[in-house]
Amino acid sequence: MQETDAIANARREMEVCNACRYCEGFCAVFPAVELRREFSAGDLIYLANLCHGCRGCYYACQYAPPHEWGINVPRALAEVRAESYAEYAWPKPLASMFDRNGTVVSLVAALGIAVVLFLSILANQRANFFGAHGTEPNSFYDIVPLWAMQIVGIATFGFALVALGMGARNFWRDAGPGEKIGPVAIAIAVWDVLTLKNLGGGGNGCNDNSEAFSMRRRYLHHAMFYGFLLCFAATTTGFIYHTFLGWPAPYGVLSAPVLLGTIGGLSMLVGTVGLFAMKLVDDPEPSVRRLLGGDVAMLAMLAMIALTGLVLLAVRATGAMGLAMAVHLGFILAFFLVLPYSKMVHGVYRSAALLRRAVERNMKPLGGE
């Protein structure tokens, strides 16, 4: 990664932190800092993505603003983190989407809904699109053919996975460890990812908007993260039902796909709405306000995917099914398209950073005997 003002400022702050070491027990970042005497751009990108923004260091720091040194580690690392998303995005011409991410996500969402809605109406007679289909097998596909869902879904989600994979490769090339990765390190990293351990700061939680500690951010992230996984599991289960068992959708209320999707959708709504509410009262000093639009836009998109899915479940036996289905699929299409160029990439890079941290936990400080 190229040397930038954000990299230079983060290096200055990490050098001060490395001399002070007051915050060494706060999170995974500071023990990783202590392993270094110098900070390359790759090291700083790694540290920036290892940071979970718990903000404990900001409120504890004796050199934070208004001190003349102006040490603000959460903001400094957030700046580097944002630059790393654009730097490692693939293909490179699409990296500019990060510059105005909130606007891009909103426009793509509107476009996705409009395209799916227009094509759905165009492909159906009015009576069919707005008619009540009941819950008979294949009734969903009377509105949007299964082959169309599969082709568009595989193409867009497949591209998103490739783009994320290429971005992770680019990130790892600069910020990954040179040491061999063993199964123990992988297991530790997976555990840290699944438990969101570092959203607990030094163990007492995050400092959301003051010096008081709270586990709210961790719990809300859990709700959003595991809700998303449950919704993905619902889709996967439905695919297995249809493809291998010959059971086409829609499914009964007590079926596995519906139960997984309902619980997952409600959990996603709790997580996204809760995190959005927290952003309204967050202390602006340890954050980068220009990044707020992209964060809020992605939270809104995830919330709308969950909400429209639940609405579709509620109205699937009525004449509103066609409209609800088109809107829901529009949000999903938009999500797949912007996935590699949105805040969602932080999950990939943060997981990679946690893997590097797991690899180097037993390393001695550079220059040690």
Protein backbone atom coordinates (compact mmCIF):
# COMPACT_ATOMS: atom_id res chain seq x y z
CA MET A 1 0.00 0.00 0.00
CA GLN A 2 1.22 3.51 -0.78
CA GLU A 3 2.33 5.92 1.91
CA THR A 4 -0.52 8.32 2.70
CA ASP A 5 -1.24 11.00 5.28
CA ALA A 6 -3.43 8.52 7.17
CA ILE A 7 -0.61 5.95 7.23
CA ALA A 8 1.90 8.56 8.42
CA ASN A 9 -0.41 9.76 11.19
CA ALA A 10 -1.21 6.22 12.33
CA ARG A 11 2.52 5.45 12.45
CA ARG A 12 3.12 8.52 14.63
CA GLU A 13 0.36 7.49 17.02
CA MET A 14 1.51 3.86 17.21
CA GLU A 15 5.03 4.99 18.06
CA VAL A 16 3.66 7.07 20.94
CA CYS A 17 1.51 4.14 22.09
CA ASN A 18 4.47 1.79 21.90
CA ALA A 19 6.44 4.09 24.20
CA CYS A 20 3.56 4.60 26.64
CA ARG A 21 1.97 1.12 26.78
CA TYR A 22 -0.75 2.22 29.20
CA CYS A 23 -3.42 0.53 27.07
CA GLU A 24 -1.69 -2.82 26.61
CA GLY A 25 -4.56 -4.76 28.19
CA PHE A 26 -7.39 -3.03 26.37
CA CYS A 27 -7.68 -5.13 23.19
CA ALA A 28 -5.70 -7.19 20.68
CA VAL A 29 -4.16 -4.15 18.98
CA PHE A 30 -1.74 -3.06 21.70
CA PRO A 31 -0.10 -6.46 22.36
CA ALA A 32 0.43 -6.63 18.58
CA VAL A 33 1.94 -3.12 18.66
CA GLU A 34 4.43 -4.22 21.31
CA LEU A 35 5.86 -6.83 18.95
CA ARG A 36 7.17 -4.04 16.72
CA ARG A 37 9.81 -1.35 16.88
CA GLU A 38 8.95 0.04 13.45
CA PHE A 39 5.64 0.12 11.58
CA SER A 40 5.49 -0.55 7.87
CA ALA A 41 2.40 0.32 5.87
CA GLY A 42 1.47 -3.37 5.89
CA ASP A 43 1.79 -3.49 9.70
CA LEU A 44 -0.47 -0.46 10.06
CA ILE A 45 -3.09 -1.93 7.72
CA TYR A 46 -3.03 -5.10 9.81
CA LEU A 47 -3.40 -3.17 13.06
CA ALA A 48 -6.17 -1.00 11.61
CA ASN A 49 -8.23 -4.03 10.65
CA LEU A 50 -7.45 -5.75 13.94
CA CYS A 51 -9.01 -2.76 15.72
CA HIS A 52 -12.71 -3.30 16.50
CA GLY A 53 -13.34 0.32 17.44
CA CYS A 54 -14.12 -0.35 21.10
CA ARG A 55 -12.70 3.14 21.94
CA GLY A 56 -11.41 2.21 25.38
CA CYS A 57 -7.96 3.53 24.49
CA TYR A 58 -9.35 6.92 23.47
CA TYR A 59 -11.03 7.62 26.79
CA ALA A 60 -8.08 6.29 28.80
CA CYS A 61 -5.37 8.14 26.86
CA GLN A 62 -3.61 11.01 28.62
CA TYR A 63 -2.45 12.32 25.23
CA ALA A 64 -5.89 12.42 23.59
CA PRO A 65 -7.33 15.78 22.48
CA PRO A 66 -7.11 18.49 23.70
CA HIS A 67 -3.50 17.43 24.41
CA GLU A 68 -1.15 18.89 21.81
CA TRP A 69 -0.20 15.42 20.58
CA GLY A 70 -3.84 14.71 19.74
CA ILE A 71 -3.60 10.92 20.03
CA ASN A 72 -6.84 9.42 18.75
CA VAL A 73 -6.15 5.78 17.91
CA PRO A 74 -9.74 4.76 16.96
CA ARG A 75 -10.01 7.59 14.42
CA ALA A 76 -6.48 7.13 13.06
CA LEU A 77 -6.96 3.40 12.50
CA ALA A 78 -10.45 3.95 11.03
CA GLU A 79 -8.89 6.26 8.41
CA VAL A 80 -6.32 3.61 7.48
CA ARG A 81 -8.99 0.93 7.48
CA ALA A 82 -11.13 2.88 5.03
CA GLU A 83 -8.15 3.45 2.75
CA SER A 84 -7.32 -0.26 2.82
CA TYR A 85 -10.83 -1.15 1.62
CA ALA A 86 -10.36 1.00 -1.48
CA GLU A 87 -6.73 -0.03 -1.97
CA TYR A 88 -7.44 -3.76 -2.07
CA ALA A 89 -10.79 -3.67 -3.88
CA TRP A 90 -11.07 -5.76 -7.03
CA PRO A 91 -11.41 -4.94 -9.86
CA LYS A 92 -9.52 -1.72 -9.24
CA PRO A 93 -11.76 0.64 -11.29
CA LEU A 94 -14.65 -0.11 -8.90
CA ALA A 95 -12.62 1.00 -5.85
CA SER A 96 -13.95 4.54 -6.33
CA MET A 97 -17.31 3.26 -5.06
CA PHE A 98 -15.87 3.53 -1.53
CA ASP A 99 -15.48 7.31 -1.88
CA ARG A 100 -19.24 7.97 -1.81
CA ASN A 101 -20.37 4.68 -0.38
CA GLY A 102 -23.61 5.85 1.19
CA THR A 103 -24.82 7.36 -2.07
CA VAL A 104 -23.70 4.36 -4.13
CA VAL A 105 -25.40 1.82 -1.85
CA SER A 106 -28.63 3.85 -1.86
CA LEU A 107 -28.67 4.26 -5.64
CA VAL A 108 -27.90 0.60 -6.31
CA ALA A 109 -30.66 -0.44 -3.87
CA ALA A 110 -33.18 1.79 -5.67
CA LEU A 111 -32.01 0.53 -9.05
CA GLY A 112 -32.16 -3.12 -7.97
CA ILE A 113 -35.74 -2.75 -6.74
CA ALA A 114 -36.79 -0.89 -9.89
CA VAL A 115 -35.23 -3.46 -12.24
CA VAL A 116 -36.72 -6.51 -10.50
CA LEU A 117 -40.11 -4.83 -10.14
CA PHE A 118 -40.19 -3.72 -13.78
CA LEU A 119 -39.13 -7.09 -15.17
CA SER A 120 -41.54 -8.95 -12.88
CA ILE A 121 -44.48 -6.85 -14.05
CA LEU A 122 -43.35 -7.07 -17.66
CA ALA A 123 -43.12 -10.87 -17.49
CA ASN A 124 -46.56 -11.31 -15.91
CA GLN A 125 -50.12 -10.49 -16.66
CA ARG A 126 -51.55 -7.95 -14.21
CA ALA A 127 -53.96 -10.53 -12.83
CA ASN A 128 -51.09 -12.94 -12.20
CA PHE A 129 -48.72 -10.44 -10.61
CA PHE A 130 -51.34 -8.96 -8.28
CA GLY A 131 -53.37 -12.14 -7.86
CA ALA A 132 -53.54 -14.38 -4.81
CA HIS A 133 -51.55 -17.56 -5.42
CA GLY A 134 -52.03 -19.21 -2.07
CA THR A 135 -49.23 -21.35 -0.72
CA GLU A 136 -49.28 -24.06 -3.38
CA PRO A 137 -45.89 -25.48 -4.43
CA ASN A 138 -44.08 -23.37 -7.05
CA SER A 139 -46.34 -20.34 -6.49
CA PHE A 140 -43.28 -18.13 -6.02
CA TYR A 141 -42.03 -19.16 -9.43
CA ASP A 142 -45.28 -18.11 -11.07
CA ILE A 143 -44.09 -14.56 -10.41
CA VAL A 144 -40.34 -14.90 -11.02
CA PRO A 145 -39.18 -18.09 -12.77
CA LEU A 146 -36.79 -20.26 -10.80
CA TRP A 147 -34.23 -20.24 -13.60
CA ALA A 148 -34.15 -16.43 -13.54
CA MET A 149 -33.58 -16.36 -9.78
CA GLN A 150 -30.80 -18.93 -10.07
CA ILE A 151 -28.97 -17.30 -12.96
CA VAL A 152 -29.05 -13.79 -11.49
CA GLY A 153 -28.31 -15.00 -7.96
CA ILE A 154 -25.39 -17.20 -8.96
CA ALA A 155 -23.91 -14.55 -11.27
CA THR A 156 -24.10 -11.64 -8.79
CA PHE A 157 -23.23 -13.57 -5.63
CA GLY A 158 -20.52 -15.46 -7.47
CA PHE A 159 -18.95 -12.21 -8.63
CA ALA A 160 -19.16 -10.81 -5.11
CA LEU A 161 -17.35 -13.86 -3.68
CA VAL A 162 -14.61 -13.63 -6.33
CA ALA A 163 -14.17 -9.89 -5.69
CA LEU A 164 -14.01 -10.46 -1.92
CA GLY A 165 -11.52 -13.28 -2.41
CA MET A 166 -9.28 -11.13 -4.60
CA GLY A 167 -9.47 -8.29 -2.08
CA ALA A 168 -8.52 -10.67 0.74
CA ARG A 169 -5.59 -11.94 -1.33
CA ASN A 170 -4.38 -8.38 -1.94
CA PHE A 171 -4.74 -7.58 1.76
CA TRP A 172 -2.91 -10.71 2.84
CA ARG A 173 -0.04 -9.98 0.47
CA ASP A 174 0.74 -6.76 2.40
CA ALA A 175 -0.58 -7.48 5.89
CA GLY A 176 -0.42 -11.26 6.29
CA PRO A 177 2.20 -13.06 8.38
CA GLY A 178 5.31 -14.56 6.88
CA GLU A 179 5.11 -17.47 9.29
CA LYS A 180 3.39 -20.76 8.59
CA ILE A 181 -0.29 -20.89 9.52
CA GLY A 182 -1.12 -23.92 11.64
CA PRO A 183 -4.43 -25.48 12.69
CA VAL A 184 -4.17 -24.00 16.21
CA ALA A 185 -3.93 -20.47 14.83
CA ILE A 186 -6.88 -21.11 12.54
CA ALA A 187 -8.97 -22.45 15.43
CA ILE A 188 -8.13 -19.42 17.60
CA ALA A 189 -8.98 -17.00 14.81
CA VAL A 190 -12.28 -18.73 14.06
CA TRP A 191 -13.21 -18.60 17.74
CA ASP A 192 -12.36 -14.88 17.91
CA VAL A 193 -14.48 -14.22 14.81
CA LEU A 194 -17.49 -16.22 15.97
CA THR A 195 -17.50 -14.80 19.49
CA LEU A 196 -16.63 -11.23 18.43
CA LYS A 197 -14.30 -11.33 21.41
CA ASN A 198 -12.58 -8.04 20.64
CA LEU A 199 -15.85 -6.12 20.75
CA GLY A 200 -15.52 -6.69 24.47
CA GLY A 201 -12.47 -4.42 24.61
CA GLY A 202 -10.36 -5.48 27.55
CA GLY A 203 -13.22 -7.61 28.88
CA ASN A 204 -15.67 -4.99 30.15
CA GLY A 205 -17.11 -3.99 26.80
CA CYS A 206 -16.88 -0.96 24.53
CA ASN A 207 -16.97 2.73 25.38
CA ASP A 208 -19.90 3.70 23.17
CA ASN A 209 -20.15 7.41 23.86
CA SER A 210 -18.44 7.98 27.20
CA GLU A 211 -16.02 6.41 29.65
CA ALA A 212 -18.74 3.98 30.76
CA PHE A 213 -18.32 0.40 29.52
CA SER A 214 -21.09 -1.51 27.77
CA MET A 215 -21.55 -4.78 25.90
CA ARG A 216 -24.36 -3.35 23.70
CA ARG A 217 -22.28 -3.13 20.52
CA ARG A 218 -21.09 -6.70 20.94
CA TYR A 219 -24.56 -8.09 21.55
CA LEU A 220 -26.08 -6.12 18.65
CA HIS A 221 -23.32 -7.28 16.33
CA HIS A 222 -24.03 -10.83 17.48
CA ALA A 223 -27.71 -10.38 16.65
CA MET A 224 -26.95 -9.01 13.18
CA PHE A 225 -24.15 -11.49 12.40
CA TYR A 226 -25.93 -14.63 13.53
CA GLY A 227 -29.22 -13.42 12.11
CA PHE A 228 -27.52 -13.09 8.74
CA LEU A 229 -26.08 -16.59 9.06
CA LEU A 230 -29.51 -18.00 9.95
CA CYS A 231 -31.04 -16.35 6.88
CA PHE A 232 -28.27 -17.83 4.74
CA ALA A 233 -28.94 -21.22 6.35
CA ALA A 234 -32.65 -20.83 5.50
CA THR A 235 -31.81 -20.20 1.85
CA THR A 236 -29.39 -23.14 1.79
CA THR A 237 -31.96 -25.44 3.38
CA GLY A 238 -34.57 -24.35 0.84
CA PHE A 239 -32.11 -25.13 -1.97
CA ILE A 240 -31.54 -28.62 -0.56
CA TYR A 241 -35.27 -29.18 -0.19
CA HIS A 242 -35.99 -28.13 -3.77
CA THR A 243 -32.96 -29.64 -5.54
CA PHE A 244 -32.39 -32.90 -3.73
CA LEU A 245 -35.73 -33.71 -2.10
CA GLY A 246 -38.07 -32.34 -4.73
CA TRP A 247 -39.91 -30.08 -2.29
CA PRO A 248 -40.51 -26.69 -3.99
CA ALA A 249 -41.21 -23.47 -2.11
CA PRO A 250 -43.13 -22.01 -0.40
CA TYR A 251 -42.78 -24.06 2.77
CA GLY A 252 -44.91 -24.42 5.86
CA VAL A 253 -44.64 -22.07 8.80
CA LEU A 254 -43.00 -24.74 10.95
CA SER A 255 -40.58 -25.93 8.26
CA ALA A 256 -36.83 -25.50 8.73
CA PRO A 257 -36.37 -22.81 6.02
CA VAL A 258 -39.20 -20.67 7.40
CA LEU A 259 -38.18 -21.04 11.05
CA LEU A 260 -34.53 -20.27 10.28
CA GLY A 261 -35.48 -17.31 8.09
CA THR A 262 -37.96 -15.88 10.60
CA ILE A 263 -35.62 -16.07 13.57
CA GLY A 264 -32.73 -14.81 11.45
CA GLY A 265 -34.77 -11.93 10.02
CA LEU A 266 -35.96 -10.77 13.43
CA SER A 267 -32.42 -11.03 14.80
CA MET A 268 -31.05 -8.98 11.88
CA LEU A 269 -33.66 -6.30 12.49
CA VAL A 270 -32.76 -6.07 16.17
CA GLY A 271 -29.05 -5.84 15.37
CA THR A 272 -29.25 -3.32 12.53
CA VAL A 273 -31.81 -1.03 14.14
CA GLY A 274 -29.94 -1.14 17.44
CA LEU A 275 -26.58 -0.31 15.84
CA PHE A 276 -28.18 2.53 13.87
CA ALA A 277 -29.66 3.95 17.07
CA MET A 278 -26.25 3.80 18.71
CA LYS A 279 -24.69 5.77 15.86
CA LEU A 280 -27.14 8.59 16.55
CA VAL A 281 -25.71 9.13 20.04
CA ASP A 282 -22.07 8.09 19.50
CA ASP A 283 -19.33 10.49 20.51
CA PRO A 284 -18.11 11.90 17.15
CA GLU A 285 -14.54 12.53 18.32
CA PRO A 286 -13.13 8.96 18.11
CA SER A 287 -14.89 8.26 14.80
CA VAL A 288 -14.60 9.40 11.19
CA ARG A 289 -17.87 11.14 10.41
CA ARG A 290 -17.40 11.07 6.64
CA LEU A 291 -17.66 7.27 6.79
CA LEU A 292 -21.00 7.38 8.58
CA GLY A 293 -23.07 7.51 5.37
CA GLY A 294 -21.72 4.21 4.09
CA ASP A 295 -22.18 2.54 7.48
CA VAL A 296 -25.78 3.70 7.80
CA ALA A 297 -26.62 2.79 4.19
CA MET A 298 -25.43 -0.79 4.67
CA LEU A 299 -27.27 -1.13 7.98
CA ALA A 300 -30.41 0.14 6.25
CA MET A 301 -30.01 -2.33 3.39
CA LEU A 302 -29.56 -5.29 5.73
CA ALA A 303 -32.58 -4.14 7.76
CA MET A 304 -34.70 -3.86 4.60
CA ILE A 305 -33.66 -7.32 3.40
CA ALA A 306 -34.81 -8.74 6.73
CA LEU A 307 -37.99 -6.65 6.89
CA THR A 308 -39.11 -7.35 3.30
CA GLY A 309 -38.43 -11.05 3.82
CA LEU A 310 -40.69 -11.07 6.87
CA VAL A 311 -43.34 -9.08 4.99
CA LEU A 312 -43.18 -11.57 2.11
CA LEU A 313 -43.76 -14.40 4.58
CA ALA A 314 -46.77 -12.57 6.01
CA VAL A 315 -48.45 -11.76 2.64
CA ARG A 316 -47.42 -14.75 0.54
CA ALA A 317 -50.97 -16.10 0.36
CA THR A 318 -52.44 -12.75 -0.73
CA GLY A 319 -52.44 -10.56 -3.81
CA ALA A 320 -49.54 -8.55 -2.37
CA MET A 321 -47.14 -11.46 -2.78
CA GLY A 322 -45.87 -10.40 -6.22
CA LEU A 323 -45.03 -6.87 -5.13
CA ALA A 324 -43.46 -8.00 -1.85
CA MET A 325 -41.38 -10.62 -3.63
CA ALA A 326 -40.10 -8.17 -6.26
CA VAL A 327 -39.06 -5.63 -3.62
CA HIS A 328 -37.37 -8.29 -1.49
CA LEU A 329 -35.45 -9.72 -4.45
CA GLY A 330 -34.49 -6.17 -5.48
CA PHE A 331 -32.82 -5.54 -2.13
CA ILE A 332 -31.01 -8.90 -2.32
CA LEU A 333 -29.78 -8.13 -5.84
CA ALA A 334 -28.49 -4.72 -4.71
CA PHE A 335 -26.78 -6.30 -1.70
CA PHE A 336 -24.92 -8.80 -3.88
CA LEU A 337 -23.80 -6.05 -6.26
CA VAL A 338 -22.39 -3.71 -3.60
CA LEU A 339 -21.14 -6.40 -1.20
CA PRO A 340 -17.42 -6.17 -2.19
CA TYR A 341 -17.50 -2.34 -2.16
CA SER A 342 -19.31 -1.69 1.10
CA LYS A 343 -18.66 -1.78 4.85
CA MET A 344 -19.31 -5.54 4.66
CA VAL A 345 -15.71 -6.09 3.52
CA HIS A 346 -14.58 -5.34 7.07
CA GLY A 347 -15.67 -8.84 8.03
CA VAL A 348 -13.19 -10.37 5.57
CA TYR A 349 -10.24 -8.15 6.43
CA ARG A 350 -10.89 -8.25 10.16
CA SER A 351 -11.01 -12.05 10.05
CA ALA A 352 -7.69 -12.08 8.19
CA ALA A 353 -6.19 -9.71 10.77
CA LEU A 354 -7.39 -11.96 13.59
CA LEU A 355 -5.72 -14.91 11.86
CA ARG A 356 -2.44 -13.02 11.70
CA ARG A 357 -2.81 -12.10 15.36
CA ALA A 358 -3.36 -15.75 16.24
CA VAL A 359 -0.19 -16.70 14.35
CA GLU A 360 2.02 -14.15 16.11
CA ARG A 361 0.66 -14.43 19.66
CA ASN A 362 3.67 -16.43 20.78
CA MET A 363 6.23 -14.27 19.00
CA LYS A 364 8.72 -12.25 21.01
CA PRO A 365 9.06 -8.50 20.41
CA LEU A 366 11.20 -7.74 17.41
CA GLY A 367 14.79 -7.49 18.47
CA GLY A 368 14.17 -9.79 21.47
CA GLU A 369 16.49 -12.65 22.38
